[in-house]
Amino acid sequence: SEPFGYVNVEFGLLGVPSVGCAIGGLGKMPGVYFRQQNSDDAKSLIDSFFCAVDYALNLPENDYWEMARAATTAEFPFETWRENLIGAYTEAVTMFQHSEGRSLTLNHLWVRKGATKAVADALAP
């Protein structure tokens, strides 16, 4: 599982429906997804995955191509995602500061070199 997977968004926009567990960000695009019933039971997870793969492989051809077409026109809230990610980074950087301003980790070197601004610029529309 992936807490926020956007691989399915990338593949979907190229017309390739995904197969996977509907957890976190997965399942936001057209595809075949399954619900994780018990995260402690690996066999159940694997069985569910193979069941989803089997279902996807046996889709009628028209259904598959309709799903693929829908994936290419699906909208994903990139602006919301970008704002949430920048907020999470900002909160993480703030939470890992001593009251005197010294970093609790070695990441302060990365932050002081302007990486936070570089990430914000890279994510800008």
Foldseek 3Di string as FASTA:
>chain_A
DDQADCPQLVVLLVLHADEEAPHHNPPQAQHFHDHDDDPVDPVSRVVRRVVSVVCRVPDPPVVSNVSSVRSSVDDDPLVVVLVVVLVVVVVVQVVQADPVGHGVDPCVVVVVVPVSVVSNVVSDD
